[in-house]
Amino acid sequence: MTTLIPAYGRDYKSQKAVQADWDANKDFIVADMFSGADGKATNKQDCIAMNLSPMIRYDRLTKVYKVKS
């Protein structure tokens, strides 16, 4: 399972806000030290192409939400 964090200093207070930016194809950063893509930007379109269904950390990285594709 790949974990992503919001890019460019963004943060969210709700799952609804996370899903809205995910659906808007905004960038997120791969936060998976076992992945070759660790630290690189990705978005919904990229994840669909790679058949990934990631978890996104939000609310100061204290909560996790599995986005809906």
C-alpha atoms as a PDB file:
ATOM      1  CA  MET A   1       0.000   0.000   0.000  1.00  0.00           C
ATOM      2  CA  THR A   2       1.435   3.357  -1.038  1.00  0.00           C
ATOM      3  CA  THR A   3       1.142   6.336   1.298  1.00  0.00           C
ATOM      4  CA  LEU A   4       0.941   9.887  -0.010  1.00  0.00           C
ATOM      5  CA  ILE A   5       1.134  13.268   1.713  1.00  0.00           C
ATOM      6  CA  PRO A   6      -0.182  16.595   0.367  1.00  0.00           C
ATOM      7  CA  ALA A   7       2.313  18.547  -1.752  1.00  0.00           C
ATOM      8  CA  TYR A   8       3.269  22.230  -1.590  1.00  0.00           C
ATOM      9  CA  GLY A   9       2.421  22.688   2.091  1.00  0.00           C
ATOM     10  CA  ARG A  10      -1.266  21.816   1.729  1.00  0.00           C
ATOM     11  CA  ASP A  11      -3.115  20.147   4.598  1.00  0.00           C
ATOM     12  CA  TYR A  12      -6.703  19.053   5.100  1.00  0.00           C
ATOM     13  CA  LYS A  13      -9.108  18.889   8.028  1.00  0.00           C
ATOM     14  CA  SER A  14     -11.551  16.400   6.485  1.00  0.00           C
ATOM     15  CA  GLN A  15     -11.695  13.344   4.243  1.00  0.00           C
ATOM     16  CA  LYS A  16     -14.055  15.273   1.970  1.00  0.00           C
ATOM     17  CA  ALA A  17     -11.366  17.915   1.344  1.00  0.00           C
ATOM     18  CA  VAL A  18      -8.752  15.226   0.642  1.00  0.00           C
ATOM     19  CA  GLN A  19     -11.046  13.508  -1.852  1.00  0.00           C
ATOM     20  CA  ALA A  20     -11.904  16.821  -3.554  1.00  0.00           C
ATOM     21  CA  ASP A  21      -8.235  17.651  -4.250  1.00  0.00           C
ATOM     22  CA  TRP A  22      -7.556  14.039  -5.262  1.00  0.00           C
ATOM     23  CA  ASP A  23     -10.429  14.250  -7.767  1.00  0.00           C
ATOM     24  CA  ALA A  24      -9.064  17.615  -8.972  1.00  0.00           C
ATOM     25  CA  ASN A  25      -5.819  15.766  -9.844  1.00  0.00           C
ATOM     26  CA  LYS A  26      -3.671  17.853  -7.486  1.00  0.00           C
ATOM     27  CA  ASP A  27      -0.155  16.671  -6.643  1.00  0.00           C
ATOM     28  CA  PHE A  28       0.749  14.537  -3.635  1.00  0.00           C
ATOM     29  CA  ILE A  29       4.167  13.314  -2.528  1.00  0.00           C
ATOM     30  CA  VAL A  30       4.989   9.605  -2.243  1.00  0.00           C
ATOM     31  CA  ALA A  31       5.951   8.887   1.388  1.00  0.00           C
ATOM     32  CA  ASP A  32       7.101   5.274   1.163  1.00  0.00           C
ATOM     33  CA  MET A  33      10.768   4.624   1.911  1.00  0.00           C
ATOM     34  CA  PHE A  34      10.516   1.200   0.283  1.00  0.00           C
ATOM     35  CA  SER A  35       9.374   2.677  -3.024  1.00  0.00           C
ATOM     36  CA  GLY A  36      11.672   3.920  -5.746  1.00  0.00           C
ATOM     37  CA  ALA A  37       9.277   6.854  -6.101  1.00  0.00           C
ATOM     38  CA  ASP A  38       9.733   8.041  -2.493  1.00  0.00           C
ATOM     39  CA  GLY A  39       9.708  11.851  -2.375  1.00  0.00           C
ATOM     40  CA  LYS A  40       8.361  12.265  -5.902  1.00  0.00           C
ATOM     41  CA  ALA A  41       5.128  13.991  -6.852  1.00  0.00           C
ATOM     42  CA  THR A  42       2.178  12.020  -8.170  1.00  0.00           C
ATOM     43  CA  ASN A  43      -1.537  12.545  -8.711  1.00  0.00           C
ATOM     44  CA  LYS A  44      -4.750  10.606  -9.331  1.00  0.00           C
ATOM     45  CA  GLN A  45      -4.088  10.209 -13.046  1.00  0.00           C
ATOM     46  CA  ASP A  46      -0.614   8.730 -12.400  1.00  0.00           C
ATOM     47  CA  CYS A  47      -1.913   6.346  -9.733  1.00  0.00           C
ATOM     48  CA  ILE A  48      -4.726   5.084 -11.958  1.00  0.00           C
ATOM     49  CA  ALA A  49      -2.191   4.404 -14.726  1.00  0.00           C
ATOM     50  CA  MET A  50      -0.061   2.383 -12.257  1.00  0.00           C
ATOM     51  CA  ASN A  51      -3.147   0.634 -10.800  1.00  0.00           C
ATOM     52  CA  LEU A  52      -2.485   2.043  -7.299  1.00  0.00           C
ATOM     53  CA  SER A  53      -5.101   2.877  -4.693  1.00  0.00           C
ATOM     54  CA  PRO A  54      -3.136   4.940  -2.157  1.00  0.00           C
ATOM     55  CA  MET A  55      -3.701   6.083   1.393  1.00  0.00           C
ATOM     56  CA  ILE A  56      -3.335   9.832   2.006  1.00  0.00           C
ATOM     57  CA  ARG A  57      -2.194  11.315   5.303  1.00  0.00           C
ATOM     58  CA  TYR A  58      -3.900  14.557   6.383  1.00  0.00           C
ATOM     59  CA  ASP A  59      -4.634  16.764   9.445  1.00  0.00           C
ATOM     60  CA  ARG A  60      -0.956  17.372  10.192  1.00  0.00           C
ATOM     61  CA  LEU A  61      -0.252  13.799   9.060  1.00  0.00           C
ATOM     62  CA  THR A  62      -2.141  12.356  12.047  1.00  0.00           C
ATOM     63  CA  LYS A  63      -4.990  10.757  10.071  1.00  0.00           C
ATOM     64  CA  VAL A  64      -5.116   8.459   7.055  1.00  0.00           C
ATOM     65  CA  TYR A  65      -7.754   8.199   4.320  1.00  0.00           C
ATOM     66  CA  LYS A  66      -7.962   5.635   1.523  1.00  0.00           C
ATOM     67  CA  VAL A  67      -9.041   7.644  -1.501  1.00  0.00           C
ATOM     68  CA  LYS A  68     -11.738   6.491  -3.884  1.00  0.00           C
ATOM     69  CA  SER A  69     -10.642   6.336  -7.506  1.00  0.00           C
END
